[in-house]
Structure formats: structure tokens, C-alpha cells
C-alpha atoms as a PDB file:
ATOM      1  CA  UNK A   1     101.761-139.867 180.745  1.00  0.00           C
ATOM      2  CA  UNK A   2      97.901-139.485 180.676  1.00  0.00           C
ATOM      3  CA  UNK A   3      98.285-140.411 177.138  1.00  0.00           C
ATOM      4  CA  UNK A   4     100.090-143.538 177.804  1.00  0.00           C
ATOM      5  CA  UNK A   5      97.321-144.189 180.688  1.00  0.00           C
ATOM      6  CA  UNK A   6      94.528-144.183 178.149  1.00  0.00           C
ATOM      7  CA  UNK A   7      96.439-146.516 175.772  1.00  0.00           C
ATOM      8  CA  UNK A   8      96.599-148.830 178.785  1.00  0.00           C
ATOM      9  CA  UNK A   9      92.791-148.548 179.231  1.00  0.00           C
ATOM     10  CA  UNK A  10      92.000-148.755 175.743  1.00  0.00           C
ATOM     11  CA  UNK A  11      94.176-151.846 175.374  1.00  0.00           C
ATOM     12  CA  UNK A  12      92.302-153.754 178.260  1.00  0.00           C
ATOM     13  CA  UNK A  13      88.832-152.747 177.142  1.00  0.00           C
ATOM     14  CA  UNK A  14      89.728-153.648 173.790  1.00  0.00           C
ATOM     15  CA  UNK A  15      90.903-157.194 175.179  1.00  0.00           C
ATOM     16  CA  UNK A  16      87.602-157.318 177.120  1.00  0.00           C
ATOM     17  CA  UNK A  17      85.408-156.691 174.285  1.00  0.00           C
ATOM     18  CA  UNK A  18      87.305-159.513 171.986  1.00  0.00           C
ATOM     19  CA  UNK A  19      86.875-162.052 175.043  1.00  0.00           C
ATOM     20  CA  UNK A  20      83.163-160.694 175.286  1.00  0.00           C
ATOM     21  CA  UNK A  21      82.432-161.258 171.931  1.00  0.00           C
ATOM     22  CA  UNK A  22      84.278-164.527 171.790  1.00  0.00           C
ATOM     23  CA  UNK A  23      82.103-165.586 175.093  1.00  0.00           C
ATOM     24  CA  UNK A  24      78.914-164.328 173.311  1.00  0.00           C
ATOM     25  CA  UNK A  25      79.672-166.585 170.336  1.00  0.00           C
ATOM     26  CA  UNK A  26      80.325-169.529 172.523  1.00  0.00           C
ATOM     27  CA  UNK A  27      77.293-169.152 174.677  1.00  0.00           C
ATOM     28  CA  UNK A  28      75.030-168.070 172.146  1.00  0.00           C
ATOM     29  CA  UNK A  29      73.746-164.636 172.918  1.00  0.00           C
ATOM     30  CA  UNK A  30      75.093-164.599 176.928  1.00  0.00           C
ATOM     31  CA  UNK A  31      77.664-161.804 177.206  1.00  0.00           C
ATOM     32  CA  UNK A  32      79.861-163.119 180.257  1.00  0.00           C
ATOM     33  CA  UNK A  33      83.287-162.229 181.619  1.00  0.00           C
ATOM     34  CA  UNK A  34      85.282-163.454 184.247  1.00  0.00           C
ATOM     35  CA  UNK A  35      86.251-161.119 187.418  1.00  0.00           C
ATOM     36  CA  UNK A  36      89.649-162.224 187.143  1.00  0.00           C
ATOM     37  CA  UNK A  37      90.127-160.694 183.947  1.00  0.00           C
ATOM     38  CA  UNK A  38      88.800-157.357 185.225  1.00  0.00           C
ATOM     39  CA  UNK A  39      91.533-157.839 188.349  1.00  0.00           C
ATOM     40  CA  UNK A  40      94.229-158.291 185.801  1.00  0.00           C
ATOM     41  CA  UNK A  41      93.521-155.333 184.129  1.00  0.00           C
ATOM     42  CA  UNK A  42      93.186-153.525 187.218  1.00  0.00           C
ATOM     43  CA  UNK A  43      96.454-154.631 188.624  1.00  0.00           C
ATOM     44  CA  UNK A  44      98.511-153.885 185.228  1.00  0.00           C
ATOM     45  CA  UNK A  45      96.720-150.447 185.463  1.00  0.00           C
ATOM     46  CA  UNK A  46      98.050-149.834 188.848  1.00  0.00           C
ATOM     47  CA  UNK A  47     101.498-151.456 187.726  1.00  0.00           C
ATOM     48  CA  UNK A  48     101.520-148.550 184.906  1.00  0.00           C
ATOM     49  CA  UNK A  49     100.518-146.015 187.515  1.00  0.00           C
ATOM     50  CA  UNK A  50     103.457-147.280 189.681  1.00  0.00           C
ATOM     51  CA  UNK A  51     105.767-147.182 186.438  1.00  0.00           C
ATOM     52  CA  UNK A  52     104.556-143.728 185.559  1.00  0.00           C
ATOM     53  CA  UNK A  53     105.361-142.558 189.359  1.00  0.00           C
ATOM     54  CA  UNK A  54     108.994-144.129 189.165  1.00  0.00           C
ATOM     55  CA  UNK A  55     109.640-142.426 185.740  1.00  0.00           C
ATOM     56  CA  UNK A  56     108.384-139.012 187.092  1.00  0.00           C
ATOM     57  CA  UNK A  57     110.278-139.415 190.331  1.00  0.00           C
ATOM     58  CA  UNK A  58     113.701-140.242 188.226  1.00  0.00           C
ATOM     59  CA  UNK A  59     112.859-137.538 185.780  1.00  0.00           C
ATOM     60  CA  UNK A  60     112.792-135.254 188.638  1.00  0.00           C
ATOM     61  CA  UNK A  61     115.994-136.472 189.962  1.00  0.00           C
ATOM     62  CA  UNK A  62     117.726-136.261 186.976  1.00  0.00           C
ATOM     63  CA  UNK A  63     116.540-132.726 186.629  1.00  0.00           C
ATOM     64  CA  UNK A  64     118.174-131.729 190.020  1.00  0.00           C
ATOM     65  CA  UNK A  65     121.121-133.069 189.548  1.00  0.00           C
ATOM     66  CA  UNK A  66     121.518-131.273 186.219  1.00  0.00           C
ATOM     67  CA  UNK A  67     121.044-128.441 187.692  1.00  0.00           C
ATOM     68  CA  UNK A  68     123.697-129.074 190.564  1.00  0.00           C
ATOM     69  CA  UNK A  69     125.935-130.196 187.887  1.00  0.00           C
ATOM     70  CA  UNK A  70     125.368-126.805 185.969  1.00  0.00           C
ATOM     71  CA  UNK A  71     125.788-124.407 189.334  1.00  0.00           C
ATOM     72  CA  UNK A  72     128.899-126.429 190.220  1.00  0.00           C
ATOM     73  CA  UNK A  73     130.311-125.930 186.986  1.00  0.00           C
ATOM     74  CA  UNK A  74     129.300-122.136 186.737  1.00  0.00           C
ATOM     75  CA  UNK A  75     130.633-121.503 190.408  1.00  0.00           C
ATOM     76  CA  UNK A  76     134.087-123.220 189.024  1.00  0.00           C
ATOM     77  CA  UNK A  77     134.115-121.173 185.857  1.00  0.00           C
ATOM     78  CA  UNK A  78     133.545-117.721 187.649  1.00  0.00           C
ATOM     79  CA  UNK A  79     136.530-118.920 190.073  1.00  0.00           C
ATOM     80  CA  UNK A  80     138.883-119.797 187.450  1.00  0.00           C
ATOM     81  CA  UNK A  81     138.009-116.380 185.720  1.00  0.00           C
ATOM     82  CA  UNK A  82     138.932-114.282 188.810  1.00  0.00           C
ATOM     83  CA  UNK A  83     142.102-116.486 189.333  1.00  0.00           C
ATOM     84  CA  UNK A  84     143.203-115.869 185.980  1.00  0.00           C
ATOM     85  CA  UNK A  85     142.481-112.059 186.333  1.00  0.00           C
ATOM     86  CA  UNK A  86     144.566-112.047 189.601  1.00  0.00           C
ATOM     87  CA  UNK A  87     147.301-113.951 187.832  1.00  0.00           C
ATOM     88  CA  UNK A  88     147.430-111.095 185.240  1.00  0.00           C
ATOM     89  CA  UNK A  89     147.730-108.790 187.971  1.00  0.00           C
ATOM     90  CA  UNK A  90     150.573-110.491 189.477  1.00  0.00           C
ATOM     91  CA  UNK A  91     152.433-110.545 186.221  1.00  0.00           C
ATOM     92  CA  UNK A  92     152.012-106.936 186.077  1.00  0.00           C
ATOM     93  CA  UNK A  93     153.244-106.117 189.480  1.00  0.00           C
ATOM     94  CA  UNK A  94     156.014-108.806 189.105  1.00  0.00           C
ATOM     95  CA  UNK A  95     157.237-106.979 185.874  1.00  0.00           C
ATOM     96  CA  UNK A  96     157.253-104.048 187.169  1.00  0.00           C
ATOM     97  CA  UNK A  97     159.082-105.151 190.721  1.00  0.00           C
ATOM     98  CA  UNK A  98     161.462-106.907 188.215  1.00  0.00           C
ATOM     99  CA  UNK A  99     162.290-103.391 186.016  1.00  0.00           C
ATOM    100  CA  UNK A 100     162.460-101.440 189.027  1.00  0.00           C
ATOM    101  CA  UNK A 101     165.020-104.050 190.360  1.00  0.00           C
ATOM    102  CA  UNK A 102     167.042-103.932 187.071  1.00  0.00           C
ATOM    103  CA  UNK A 103     167.150-100.179 186.855  1.00  0.00           C
ATOM    104  CA  UNK A 104     168.487-100.245 190.679  1.00  0.00           C
ATOM    105  CA  UNK A 105     170.782-103.220 189.821  1.00  0.00           C
ATOM    106  CA  UNK A 106     172.160-100.773 187.258  1.00  0.00           C
ATOM    107  CA  UNK A 107     172.620 -97.970 189.494  1.00  0.00           C
ATOM    108  CA  UNK A 108     174.299-100.422 192.066  1.00  0.00           C
ATOM    109  CA  UNK A 109     171.556 -99.757 194.924  1.00  0.00           C
ATOM    110  CA  UNK A 110     170.707-103.361 195.045  1.00  0.00           C
ATOM    111  CA  UNK A 111     172.499-106.655 194.805  1.00  0.00           C
ATOM    112  CA  UNK A 112     172.420-109.577 192.275  1.00  0.00           C
ATOM    113  CA  UNK A 113     170.676-111.588 194.676  1.00  0.00           C
ATOM    114  CA  UNK A 114     167.790-109.353 194.877  1.00  0.00           C
ATOM    115  CA  UNK A 115     167.637-108.689 190.699  1.00  0.00           C
ATOM    116  CA  UNK A 116     167.491-112.894 190.201  1.00  0.00           C
ATOM    117  CA  UNK A 117     164.691-112.989 193.299  1.00  0.00           C
ATOM    118  CA  UNK A 118     162.455-110.235 191.411  1.00  0.00           C
ATOM    119  CA  UNK A 119     163.002-112.271 187.954  1.00  0.00           C
ATOM    120  CA  UNK A 120     162.293-115.349 190.005  1.00  0.00           C
ATOM    121  CA  UNK A 121     159.239-113.910 191.001  1.00  0.00           C
ATOM    122  CA  UNK A 122     158.369-112.862 187.463  1.00  0.00           C
ATOM    123  CA  UNK A 123     158.694-116.156 186.186  1.00  0.00           C
ATOM    124  CA  UNK A 124     156.512-118.000 189.005  1.00  0.00           C
ATOM    125  CA  UNK A 125     153.858-115.027 188.129  1.00  0.00           C
ATOM    126  CA  UNK A 126     154.002-116.485 184.594  1.00  0.00           C
ATOM    127  CA  UNK A 127     153.493-120.023 185.690  1.00  0.00           C
ATOM    128  CA  UNK A 128     150.718-119.577 187.871  1.00  0.00           C
ATOM    129  CA  UNK A 129     149.101-117.357 184.519  1.00  0.00           C
ATOM    130  CA  UNK A 130     149.771-120.465 182.923  1.00  0.00           C
ATOM    131  CA  UNK A 131     147.886-122.768 185.178  1.00  0.00           C
ATOM    132  CA  UNK A 132     145.270-120.539 185.436  1.00  0.00           C
ATOM    133  CA  UNK A 133     144.433-120.255 181.829  1.00  0.00           C
ATOM    134  CA  UNK A 134     144.411-124.253 181.929  1.00  0.00           C
ATOM    135  CA  UNK A 135     142.108-124.126 184.953  1.00  0.00           C
ATOM    136  CA  UNK A 136     139.703-121.727 183.211  1.00  0.00           C
ATOM    137  CA  UNK A 137     139.713-123.570 179.823  1.00  0.00           C
ATOM    138  CA  UNK A 138     138.874-126.787 181.739  1.00  0.00           C
ATOM    139  CA  UNK A 139     135.970-124.801 183.560  1.00  0.00           C
ATOM    140  CA  UNK A 140     134.750-123.514 180.723  1.00  0.00           C
ATOM    141  CA  UNK A 141     134.420-126.557 178.618  1.00  0.00           C
ATOM    142  CA  UNK A 142     132.916-128.181 181.503  1.00  0.00           C
ATOM    143  CA  UNK A 143     130.505-125.736 181.865  1.00  0.00           C
ATOM    144  CA  UNK A 144     129.538-125.842 178.006  1.00  0.00           C
ATOM    145  CA  UNK A 145     129.472-129.533 178.175  1.00  0.00           C
ATOM    146  CA  UNK A 146     127.175-129.791 181.235  1.00  0.00           C
ATOM    147  CA  UNK A 147     124.522-127.141 179.568  1.00  0.00           C
ATOM    148  CA  UNK A 148     124.553-129.192 176.215  1.00  0.00           C
ATOM    149  CA  UNK A 149     126.492-126.239 174.238  1.00  0.00           C
END
């Protein structure tokens, strides 16, 4: 930014020097320059400074938005991982419940309806784990994409 400001000042100083040299050659040895040239240069410097400020603000805004996206992606990633772990626990419990109901059905202490319900809960647990794995992979990919990995 400071480099650009110096380049701009150098550019306008060079223009001024060229105009002054041309004026000297036209007017003999007199050197003169118009105030309007100086004002134009001053206005251009102010414009450059405003552009620098605008760019700085846009950069900071972009940085803040990127940080917010990273935080959201990380939160989503952690949440989806926790859901995946919970789904795995639900499968383990459903498998145990289905195994017990099958043993009880063979022993004749539970009805076929209860056994089928236990198997249905097991299938439901598998379906939820599949969804949790999908959500986890999507959250992981989003986090990696947002962080540029």
C-alpha cells in the first residue's frame, strides 16, 4: 500500500518534472507550473488513498467472512461427527435388543410382533448411521474446502 502511494507520488513528480522542463524550454530559462496541475495531482493522490482504504476495508470484510465460514464449517463438522458416534451407539444397542428378542422369541416368551419391531428398530438404526456418515462426509469436505486443504 505504501509502495503504491510512493509510486503514485513518483509518477506525479515525474509528470511535474517533464512539464517543468517543457515550460523551461518554451520560456527560455523560466520555470513555471500551473496550480491546476498540482491540484490534479493532489486529487489523484486523494483518489488513490480512498481506493486503498476501500480495498483495505474489503479485505478485512472478506477476512471476517472467511473466519465465520470456517467457524461454521468446523461446528458442523464436529456436530456431524458426534451424530455419527451416537448412531454407532444406537446400532450397538439395537443389535443387542434384536439379539435378546430373538432369544426370547425362541424361548417363547415374546411374540413375533415384538421380534419384528426389534428388527425394525435395528434397520432404522442402520439407516440413521448411513445418513450420519453422509452428513459427516459432507461436513468434512465443506470444512476442508473452506480451509483450502
